[in-house]
Amino acid sequence: MSPFAYQLRKIRTERQLQQKVMAEIIGCEQSYLSALETDSKVPPQKEKLIQFLKKLSLSSEQMAELLSAAEKSRRTIHLPLKARSQIFEVCHKLEDQLPNISDIQLELIAIALRLNPQEMGGTQNEKRTNL
């Protein structure tokens, strides 16, 4: 379940709303709300999402959490225009492996992403050639 689907369902259940009622409040079909909660549909564009959120009268904290969850739930990534070929290769290898990736692999990737390149020594060019 995506972070967005989780947060959306959490808000609905905390308010003890049925999908039909919440759909009426935000101005959409129940089937659309259901699809959002089950990841059958991607989160709406930010402008549309903000319209939904305003109708729910969420706190600023809840609104920020749901907007952040929507961003984290995107199904596409954008690579920098001048990305190195290794970045493309790693992204495509990762994409191929996503259906079978283990919890250990996910944790190792998360650890690697937390590493600060400046603390690892070497120059920026040396780091690039060692990838």
C-alpha atoms as a PDB file:
ATOM      1  CA  MET A   1       0.000   0.000   0.000  1.00  0.00           C
ATOM      2  CA  SER A   2       1.357   3.396  -0.949  1.00  0.00           C
ATOM      3  CA  PRO A   3       1.911   6.074   1.701  1.00  0.00           C
ATOM      4  CA  PHE A   4      -0.927   8.105   0.160  1.00  0.00           C
ATOM      5  CA  ALA A   5      -3.441   5.234   0.211  1.00  0.00           C
ATOM      6  CA  TYR A   6      -2.507   4.508   3.825  1.00  0.00           C
ATOM      7  CA  GLN A   7      -2.873   8.149   4.962  1.00  0.00           C
ATOM      8  CA  LEU A   8      -6.139   8.653   3.071  1.00  0.00           C
ATOM      9  CA  ARG A   9      -7.705   5.538   4.570  1.00  0.00           C
ATOM     10  CA  LYS A  10      -6.370   6.494   8.020  1.00  0.00           C
ATOM     11  CA  ILE A  11      -8.061   9.894   7.844  1.00  0.00           C
ATOM     12  CA  ARG A  12     -11.342   8.327   6.741  1.00  0.00           C
ATOM     13  CA  THR A  13     -11.334   5.652   9.438  1.00  0.00           C
ATOM     14  CA  GLU A  14     -10.271   8.081  12.193  1.00  0.00           C
ATOM     15  CA  ARG A  15     -13.295  10.188  11.308  1.00  0.00           C
ATOM     16  CA  GLN A  16     -15.416   7.055  11.194  1.00  0.00           C
ATOM     17  CA  LEU A  17     -16.652   7.868   7.699  1.00  0.00           C
ATOM     18  CA  GLN A  18     -17.869   5.361   5.163  1.00  0.00           C
ATOM     19  CA  GLN A  19     -16.313   5.715   1.726  1.00  0.00           C
ATOM     20  CA  LYS A  20     -19.607   6.925   0.283  1.00  0.00           C
ATOM     21  CA  VAL A  21     -19.878   9.726   2.846  1.00  0.00           C
ATOM     22  CA  MET A  22     -16.265  10.855   2.459  1.00  0.00           C
ATOM     23  CA  ALA A  23     -16.614  10.763  -1.335  1.00  0.00           C
ATOM     24  CA  GLU A  24     -19.646  13.041  -1.070  1.00  0.00           C
ATOM     25  CA  ILE A  25     -17.738  15.434   1.197  1.00  0.00           C
ATOM     26  CA  ILE A  26     -14.781  15.780  -1.159  1.00  0.00           C
ATOM     27  CA  GLY A  27     -16.928  15.738  -4.293  1.00  0.00           C
ATOM     28  CA  CYS A  28     -15.954  12.535  -6.046  1.00  0.00           C
ATOM     29  CA  GLU A  29     -17.418   9.128  -6.818  1.00  0.00           C
ATOM     30  CA  GLN A  30     -17.137   6.412  -4.180  1.00  0.00           C
ATOM     31  CA  SER A  31     -15.436   4.178  -6.764  1.00  0.00           C
ATOM     32  CA  TYR A  32     -12.716   6.817  -7.247  1.00  0.00           C
ATOM     33  CA  LEU A  33     -12.110   7.107  -3.503  1.00  0.00           C
ATOM     34  CA  SER A  34     -11.982   3.317  -3.264  1.00  0.00           C
ATOM     35  CA  ALA A  35      -9.447   3.194  -6.108  1.00  0.00           C
ATOM     36  CA  LEU A  36      -7.275   5.785  -4.326  1.00  0.00           C
ATOM     37  CA  GLU A  37      -7.380   3.785  -1.088  1.00  0.00           C
ATOM     38  CA  THR A  38      -6.461   0.530  -2.834  1.00  0.00           C
ATOM     39  CA  ASP A  39      -3.714   1.988  -5.079  1.00  0.00           C
ATOM     40  CA  SER A  40      -5.714   1.299  -8.242  1.00  0.00           C
ATOM     41  CA  LYS A  41      -5.390   5.006  -9.012  1.00  0.00           C
ATOM     42  CA  VAL A  42      -2.465   7.312  -8.416  1.00  0.00           C
ATOM     43  CA  PRO A  43      -2.977  10.357  -6.194  1.00  0.00           C
ATOM     44  CA  PRO A  44      -4.567  13.322  -7.955  1.00  0.00           C
ATOM     45  CA  GLN A  45      -2.512  16.302  -9.056  1.00  0.00           C
ATOM     46  CA  LYS A  46      -1.549  18.638  -6.217  1.00  0.00           C
ATOM     47  CA  GLU A  47      -4.144  21.301  -7.088  1.00  0.00           C
ATOM     48  CA  LYS A  48      -7.009  18.779  -7.130  1.00  0.00           C
ATOM     49  CA  LEU A  49      -5.722  17.130  -3.958  1.00  0.00           C
ATOM     50  CA  ILE A  50      -5.663  20.468  -2.149  1.00  0.00           C
ATOM     51  CA  GLN A  51      -9.297  21.039  -3.178  1.00  0.00           C
ATOM     52  CA  PHE A  52     -10.198  17.657  -1.641  1.00  0.00           C
ATOM     53  CA  LEU A  53      -8.257  18.383   1.526  1.00  0.00           C
ATOM     54  CA  LYS A  54      -9.882  21.768   2.065  1.00  0.00           C
ATOM     55  CA  LYS A  55     -13.296  20.108   1.962  1.00  0.00           C
ATOM     56  CA  LEU A  56     -12.179  17.726   4.720  1.00  0.00           C
ATOM     57  CA  SER A  57     -11.130  20.607   7.009  1.00  0.00           C
ATOM     58  CA  LEU A  58      -7.866  18.914   7.904  1.00  0.00           C
ATOM     59  CA  SER A  59      -5.351  20.373  10.291  1.00  0.00           C
ATOM     60  CA  SER A  60      -2.259  21.862   8.683  1.00  0.00           C
ATOM     61  CA  GLU A  61      -0.275  18.881   9.995  1.00  0.00           C
ATOM     62  CA  GLN A  62      -2.688  16.355   8.449  1.00  0.00           C
ATOM     63  CA  MET A  63      -2.677  18.285   5.186  1.00  0.00           C
ATOM     64  CA  ALA A  64       1.129  18.317   5.102  1.00  0.00           C
ATOM     65  CA  GLU A  65       1.262  14.568   5.841  1.00  0.00           C
ATOM     66  CA  LEU A  66      -1.164  13.746   3.046  1.00  0.00           C
ATOM     67  CA  LEU A  67       0.593  16.019   0.530  1.00  0.00           C
ATOM     68  CA  SER A  68       3.931  14.447   1.450  1.00  0.00           C
ATOM     69  CA  ALA A  69       2.422  10.964   1.160  1.00  0.00           C
ATOM     70  CA  ALA A  70       1.049  11.841  -2.294  1.00  0.00           C
ATOM     71  CA  GLU A  71       4.506  12.963  -3.421  1.00  0.00           C
ATOM     72  CA  LYS A  72       6.099   9.763  -2.087  1.00  0.00           C
ATOM     73  CA  SER A  73       3.452   7.713  -3.889  1.00  0.00           C
ATOM     74  CA  ARG A  74       4.329   8.911  -7.389  1.00  0.00           C
ATOM     75  CA  ARG A  75       4.798   6.042  -9.833  1.00  0.00           C
ATOM     76  CA  THR A  76       7.444   7.801 -11.925  1.00  0.00           C
ATOM     77  CA  ILE A  77      10.797   9.366 -11.166  1.00  0.00           C
ATOM     78  CA  HIS A  78      12.499  12.237 -12.925  1.00  0.00           C
ATOM     79  CA  LEU A  79      16.194  11.926 -13.647  1.00  0.00           C
ATOM     80  CA  PRO A  80      18.329  15.045 -13.977  1.00  0.00           C
ATOM     81  CA  LEU A  81      18.753  16.226 -17.564  1.00  0.00           C
ATOM     82  CA  LYS A  82      22.495  15.615 -17.435  1.00  0.00           C
ATOM     83  CA  ALA A  83      22.416  12.388 -15.440  1.00  0.00           C
ATOM     84  CA  ARG A  84      25.383  10.069 -15.882  1.00  0.00           C
ATOM     85  CA  SER A  85      24.832   6.804 -17.732  1.00  0.00           C
ATOM     86  CA  GLN A  86      25.427   4.861 -14.494  1.00  0.00           C
ATOM     87  CA  ILE A  87      22.384   6.553 -12.959  1.00  0.00           C
ATOM     88  CA  PHE A  88      20.219   5.369 -15.843  1.00  0.00           C
ATOM     89  CA  GLU A  89      21.635   1.859 -15.541  1.00  0.00           C
ATOM     90  CA  VAL A  90      21.113   1.653 -11.783  1.00  0.00           C
ATOM     91  CA  CYS A  91      17.562   3.024 -12.034  1.00  0.00           C
ATOM     92  CA  HIS A  92      16.613   0.486 -14.684  1.00  0.00           C
ATOM     93  CA  LYS A  93      18.206  -2.391 -12.771  1.00  0.00           C
ATOM     94  CA  LEU A  94      16.300  -1.314  -9.683  1.00  0.00           C
ATOM     95  CA  GLU A  95      13.065  -1.050 -11.661  1.00  0.00           C
ATOM     96  CA  ASP A  96      13.561  -4.595 -12.989  1.00  0.00           C
ATOM     97  CA  GLN A  97      14.145  -5.912  -9.461  1.00  0.00           C
ATOM     98  CA  LEU A  98      11.340  -4.054  -7.661  1.00  0.00           C
ATOM     99  CA  PRO A  99       8.772  -6.881  -7.859  1.00  0.00           C
ATOM    100  CA  ASN A 100      11.192  -9.236  -6.072  1.00  0.00           C
ATOM    101  CA  ILE A 101      13.196  -6.931  -3.841  1.00  0.00           C
ATOM    102  CA  SER A 102      13.654  -8.198  -0.289  1.00  0.00           C
ATOM    103  CA  ASP A 103      13.398  -6.281   2.977  1.00  0.00           C
ATOM    104  CA  ILE A 104      17.159  -6.651   3.436  1.00  0.00           C
ATOM    105  CA  GLN A 105      17.838  -5.181   0.006  1.00  0.00           C
ATOM    106  CA  LEU A 106      15.520  -2.248   0.766  1.00  0.00           C
ATOM    107  CA  GLU A 107      17.318  -1.582   4.038  1.00  0.00           C
ATOM    108  CA  LEU A 108      20.731  -1.714   2.332  1.00  0.00           C
ATOM    109  CA  ILE A 109      19.570   0.774  -0.306  1.00  0.00           C
ATOM    110  CA  ALA A 110      18.223   3.058   2.440  1.00  0.00           C
ATOM    111  CA  ILE A 111      21.559   2.861   4.282  1.00  0.00           C
ATOM    112  CA  ALA A 112      23.499   3.638   1.102  1.00  0.00           C
ATOM    113  CA  LEU A 113      21.313   6.673   0.424  1.00  0.00           C
ATOM    114  CA  ARG A 114      22.004   8.046   3.913  1.00  0.00           C
ATOM    115  CA  LEU A 115      25.776   8.024   3.317  1.00  0.00           C
ATOM    116  CA  ASN A 116      27.267  11.461   2.896  1.00  0.00           C
ATOM    117  CA  PRO A 117      29.648  11.414  -0.110  1.00  0.00           C
ATOM    118  CA  GLN A 118      31.857  14.112   1.453  1.00  0.00           C
ATOM    119  CA  GLU A 119      32.435  11.912   4.513  1.00  0.00           C
ATOM    120  CA  MET A 120      33.494   8.934   2.372  1.00  0.00           C
ATOM    121  CA  GLY A 121      36.741  10.528   1.155  1.00  0.00           C
ATOM    122  CA  GLY A 122      38.053  10.946  -2.374  1.00  0.00           C
ATOM    123  CA  THR A 123      37.125  13.568  -4.902  1.00  0.00           C
ATOM    124  CA  GLN A 124      33.766  13.891  -6.604  1.00  0.00           C
ATOM    125  CA  ASN A 125      35.272  12.572  -9.877  1.00  0.00           C
ATOM    126  CA  GLU A 126      36.793   9.541  -8.138  1.00  0.00           C
ATOM    127  CA  LYS A 127      33.429   8.704  -6.631  1.00  0.00           C
ATOM    128  CA  ARG A 128      31.778   8.892 -10.026  1.00  0.00           C
ATOM    129  CA  THR A 129      34.212   6.537 -11.694  1.00  0.00           C
ATOM    130  CA  ASN A 130      33.933   4.018  -8.881  1.00  0.00           C
ATOM    131  CA  LEU A 131      30.173   3.502  -9.327  1.00  0.00           C
END
